[in-house]
Amino acid sequence: MFLMIALVGVKGYRLPLSQYSTTGPIDRDTISLPRAVINSAVENTAISIAGLFKPAFDRLWHSCGRAASPYFDSSETWKLTARQYP
C-alpha cells in the first residue's frame, strides 16, 4: 500500500515553529510529497510509521526554507508529542 499526498494552493502559507513563531512562507503553489510505502511498516514492526513519512515532512519543510523537519531527532525518530505541539 502506498500513500501519496499533494498539497495544492499552499504558496505563502507558513508552518509553526512554536506557539509564537513560524517559518518563512511556502515558496510554491503545489507540493508533491514523496510516497510512503505502508506495507513495510505493517510487516516489520521495527519500522516506525512516523519514520516512513520523514521524507515527506522534510520536503514540506524544505519548501519553507528549512533544512529538514524539526520534529525528528538525528536517528530519524519522531520526537514531538501531542503536549509539545507548538
N, C-alpha and C. Protein backbone atom coordinates (compact mmCIF):
# COMPACT_ATOMS: atom_id res chain seq x y z
N MET A 1 0.84 -1.16 0.00
CA MET A 1 0.00 0.00 0.00
C MET A 1 0.90 1.24 0.00
N PHE A 2 0.50 2.22 -0.78
CA PHE A 2 1.23 3.48 -0.88
C PHE A 2 0.35 4.62 -0.41
N LEU A 3 0.97 5.63 0.16
CA LEU A 3 0.25 6.86 0.48
C LEU A 3 0.98 7.98 -0.22
N MET A 4 0.25 8.71 -1.05
CA MET A 4 0.83 9.84 -1.77
C MET A 4 -0.02 11.07 -1.47
N ILE A 5 0.64 12.18 -1.17
CA ILE A 5 -0.07 13.41 -0.82
C ILE A 5 0.48 14.56 -1.65
N ALA A 6 -0.42 15.39 -2.15
CA ALA A 6 -0.04 16.63 -2.81
C ALA A 6 -0.81 17.75 -2.12
N LEU A 7 -0.11 18.81 -1.78
CA LEU A 7 -0.73 19.98 -1.18
C LEU A 7 -0.86 21.03 -2.27
N VAL A 8 -2.06 21.50 -2.51
CA VAL A 8 -2.34 22.43 -3.61
C VAL A 8 -2.84 23.75 -3.04
N GLY A 9 -2.37 24.84 -3.63
CA GLY A 9 -2.80 26.17 -3.18
C GLY A 9 -2.17 26.61 -1.88
N VAL A 10 -0.92 26.18 -1.64
CA VAL A 10 -0.28 26.46 -0.34
C VAL A 10 0.77 27.56 -0.38
N LYS A 11 1.03 28.14 -1.55
CA LYS A 11 2.05 29.19 -1.63
C LYS A 11 1.72 30.32 -0.66
N GLY A 12 2.72 30.71 0.12
CA GLY A 12 2.54 31.79 1.08
C GLY A 12 2.15 31.35 2.48
N TYR A 13 1.67 30.12 2.63
CA TYR A 13 1.36 29.61 3.96
C TYR A 13 2.66 29.41 4.75
N ARG A 14 2.56 29.36 6.05
CA ARG A 14 3.72 29.17 6.92
C ARG A 14 3.46 27.98 7.86
N LEU A 15 4.55 27.35 8.30
CA LEU A 15 4.45 26.24 9.26
C LEU A 15 4.84 26.75 10.64
N PRO A 16 4.20 26.23 11.69
CA PRO A 16 4.53 26.70 13.04
C PRO A 16 5.86 26.13 13.52
N LEU A 17 6.65 26.99 14.13
CA LEU A 17 7.89 26.57 14.79
C LEU A 17 7.69 26.49 16.30
N SER A 18 6.84 27.34 16.80
CA SER A 18 6.47 27.36 18.21
C SER A 18 5.12 28.05 18.29
N GLN A 19 4.68 28.27 19.50
CA GLN A 19 3.41 28.94 19.69
C GLN A 19 3.46 30.38 19.17
N TYR A 20 4.68 30.94 19.10
CA TYR A 20 4.82 32.36 18.78
C TYR A 20 5.57 32.65 17.48
N SER A 21 6.06 31.64 16.79
CA SER A 21 6.81 31.92 15.56
C SER A 21 6.49 30.90 14.47
N THR A 22 6.78 31.29 13.24
CA THR A 22 6.53 30.43 12.09
C THR A 22 7.74 30.43 11.18
N THR A 23 7.69 29.57 10.18
CA THR A 23 8.72 29.53 9.16
C THR A 23 8.51 30.69 8.19
N GLY A 24 9.39 30.76 7.21
CA GLY A 24 9.14 31.65 6.09
C GLY A 24 7.98 31.07 5.29
N PRO A 25 7.47 31.82 4.33
CA PRO A 25 6.33 31.33 3.56
C PRO A 25 6.72 30.18 2.64
N ILE A 26 5.76 29.29 2.39
CA ILE A 26 5.97 28.21 1.42
C ILE A 26 6.17 28.85 0.06
N ASP A 27 7.17 28.38 -0.68
CA ASP A 27 7.61 29.05 -1.90
C ASP A 27 6.96 28.55 -3.19
N ARG A 28 6.00 27.65 -3.12
CA ARG A 28 5.36 27.14 -4.34
C ARG A 28 3.89 26.86 -4.08
N ASP A 29 3.13 26.82 -5.16
CA ASP A 29 1.69 26.62 -5.05
C ASP A 29 1.33 25.16 -4.76
N THR A 30 2.08 24.23 -5.36
CA THR A 30 1.79 22.80 -5.19
C THR A 30 3.04 22.10 -4.70
N ILE A 31 2.87 21.27 -3.68
CA ILE A 31 3.97 20.45 -3.16
C ILE A 31 3.54 18.99 -3.28
N SER A 32 4.28 18.23 -4.08
CA SER A 32 4.03 16.78 -4.17
C SER A 32 4.99 16.09 -3.22
N LEU A 33 4.46 15.51 -2.18
CA LEU A 33 5.30 14.87 -1.17
C LEU A 33 5.67 13.46 -1.62
N PRO A 34 6.85 12.97 -1.22
CA PRO A 34 7.25 11.61 -1.61
C PRO A 34 6.27 10.58 -1.06
N ARG A 35 6.09 9.52 -1.82
CA ARG A 35 5.16 8.48 -1.38
C ARG A 35 5.74 7.71 -0.20
N ALA A 36 4.87 7.20 0.61
CA ALA A 36 5.25 6.34 1.74
C ALA A 36 4.73 4.94 1.44
N VAL A 37 5.59 3.95 1.63
CA VAL A 37 5.20 2.56 1.43
C VAL A 37 4.77 2.01 2.78
N ILE A 38 3.48 1.78 2.92
CA ILE A 38 2.91 1.37 4.21
C ILE A 38 3.14 -0.11 4.49
N ASN A 39 3.18 -0.95 3.48
CA ASN A 39 3.33 -2.39 3.67
C ASN A 39 4.54 -2.73 4.53
N SER A 40 5.65 -2.04 4.32
CA SER A 40 6.87 -2.37 5.07
C SER A 40 6.69 -2.13 6.56
N ALA A 41 5.89 -1.13 6.94
CA ALA A 41 5.67 -0.86 8.36
C ALA A 41 4.76 -1.91 8.98
N VAL A 42 3.79 -2.37 8.22
CA VAL A 42 2.86 -3.37 8.73
C VAL A 42 3.58 -4.71 8.91
N GLU A 43 4.46 -5.04 7.97
CA GLU A 43 5.16 -6.32 8.01
C GLU A 43 6.35 -6.32 8.96
N ASN A 44 6.94 -5.17 9.21
CA ASN A 44 8.13 -5.08 10.04
C ASN A 44 7.86 -4.08 11.16
N THR A 45 7.56 -4.57 12.34
CA THR A 45 7.20 -3.67 13.44
C THR A 45 8.38 -2.83 13.92
N ALA A 46 9.59 -3.12 13.46
CA ALA A 46 10.74 -2.31 13.86
C ALA A 46 10.75 -0.97 13.12
N ILE A 47 9.97 -0.85 12.07
CA ILE A 47 9.91 0.40 11.31
C ILE A 47 8.81 1.27 11.91
N SER A 48 9.17 2.48 12.25
CA SER A 48 8.18 3.39 12.82
C SER A 48 7.34 4.00 11.71
N ILE A 49 6.06 4.13 11.96
CA ILE A 49 5.17 4.76 10.98
C ILE A 49 5.63 6.19 10.72
N ALA A 50 5.97 6.94 11.76
CA ALA A 50 6.43 8.32 11.57
C ALA A 50 7.68 8.36 10.71
N GLY A 51 8.59 7.41 10.91
CA GLY A 51 9.81 7.36 10.12
C GLY A 51 9.55 7.19 8.64
N LEU A 52 8.47 6.49 8.29
CA LEU A 52 8.11 6.33 6.88
C LEU A 52 7.77 7.67 6.23
N PHE A 53 7.27 8.59 7.02
CA PHE A 53 6.85 9.88 6.49
C PHE A 53 7.92 10.96 6.59
N LYS A 54 9.08 10.65 7.15
CA LYS A 54 10.14 11.66 7.29
C LYS A 54 10.49 12.32 5.96
N PRO A 55 10.69 11.59 4.87
CA PRO A 55 10.99 12.27 3.60
C PRO A 55 9.89 13.25 3.18
N ALA A 56 8.64 12.91 3.43
CA ALA A 56 7.55 13.82 3.09
C ALA A 56 7.58 15.07 3.97
N PHE A 57 7.78 14.88 5.27
CA PHE A 57 7.87 16.03 6.17
C PHE A 57 9.07 16.90 5.80
N ASP A 58 10.20 16.28 5.47
CA ASP A 58 11.38 17.06 5.09
C ASP A 58 11.10 17.89 3.84
N ARG A 59 10.44 17.32 2.84
CA ARG A 59 10.14 18.08 1.62
C ARG A 59 9.23 19.27 1.93
N LEU A 60 8.26 19.06 2.81
CA LEU A 60 7.37 20.15 3.19
C LEU A 60 8.17 21.28 3.86
N TRP A 61 9.05 20.93 4.77
CA TRP A 61 9.85 21.94 5.46
C TRP A 61 10.87 22.59 4.53
N HIS A 62 11.38 21.85 3.53
CA HIS A 62 12.28 22.44 2.52
C HIS A 62 11.58 23.59 1.80
N SER A 63 10.30 23.43 1.52
CA SER A 63 9.56 24.45 0.78
C SER A 63 9.43 25.75 1.57
N CYS A 64 9.71 25.70 2.87
CA CYS A 64 9.69 26.89 3.74
C CYS A 64 11.09 27.40 4.03
N GLY A 65 12.08 26.83 3.36
CA GLY A 65 13.45 27.28 3.55
C GLY A 65 14.18 26.61 4.71
N ARG A 66 13.64 25.52 5.24
CA ARG A 66 14.30 24.81 6.35
C ARG A 66 15.03 23.60 5.81
N ALA A 67 16.08 23.16 6.48
CA ALA A 67 16.87 22.02 6.03
C ALA A 67 16.10 20.71 6.14
N ALA A 68 15.30 20.57 7.18
CA ALA A 68 14.55 19.33 7.41
C ALA A 68 13.47 19.60 8.44
N SER A 69 12.61 18.63 8.64
CA SER A 69 11.59 18.75 9.68
C SER A 69 12.26 18.82 11.04
N PRO A 70 11.88 19.76 11.88
CA PRO A 70 12.47 19.86 13.21
C PRO A 70 11.91 18.83 14.18
N TYR A 71 10.97 18.01 13.73
CA TYR A 71 10.29 17.09 14.63
C TYR A 71 10.83 15.67 14.60
N PHE A 72 12.02 15.50 14.03
CA PHE A 72 12.72 14.21 14.06
C PHE A 72 14.09 14.44 14.66
N ASP A 73 14.56 13.46 15.45
CA ASP A 73 15.91 13.59 16.00
C ASP A 73 16.92 13.03 15.01
N SER A 74 18.19 12.98 15.39
CA SER A 74 19.25 12.54 14.48
C SER A 74 19.13 11.08 14.08
N SER A 75 18.40 10.28 14.84
CA SER A 75 18.20 8.87 14.47
C SER A 75 16.89 8.68 13.70
N GLU A 76 16.31 9.80 13.21
CA GLU A 76 15.08 9.80 12.42
C GLU A 76 13.87 9.28 13.19
N THR A 77 13.86 9.53 14.49
CA THR A 77 12.75 9.17 15.35
C THR A 77 11.89 10.40 15.59
N TRP A 78 10.57 10.24 15.46
CA TRP A 78 9.63 11.34 15.72
C TRP A 78 9.78 11.76 17.16
N LYS A 79 9.97 13.04 17.42
CA LYS A 79 10.22 13.50 18.79
C LYS A 79 9.16 14.44 19.34
N LEU A 80 8.07 14.63 18.63
CA LEU A 80 7.04 15.55 19.08
C LEU A 80 5.88 14.76 19.67
N THR A 81 5.41 15.16 20.84
CA THR A 81 4.23 14.54 21.42
C THR A 81 3.09 15.56 21.33
N ALA A 82 1.89 15.10 21.56
CA ALA A 82 0.72 15.97 21.46
C ALA A 82 0.83 17.16 22.41
N ARG A 83 1.41 16.94 23.57
CA ARG A 83 1.55 18.04 24.53
C ARG A 83 2.62 19.04 24.16
N GLN A 84 3.53 18.65 23.28
CA GLN A 84 4.61 19.54 22.87
C GLN A 84 4.27 20.34 21.63
N TYR A 85 3.10 20.10 21.04
CA TYR A 85 2.77 20.77 19.79
C TYR A 85 2.90 22.27 19.95
N PRO A 86 3.56 22.89 18.97
CA PRO A 86 3.80 24.35 19.08
C PRO A 86 2.53 25.16 19.19
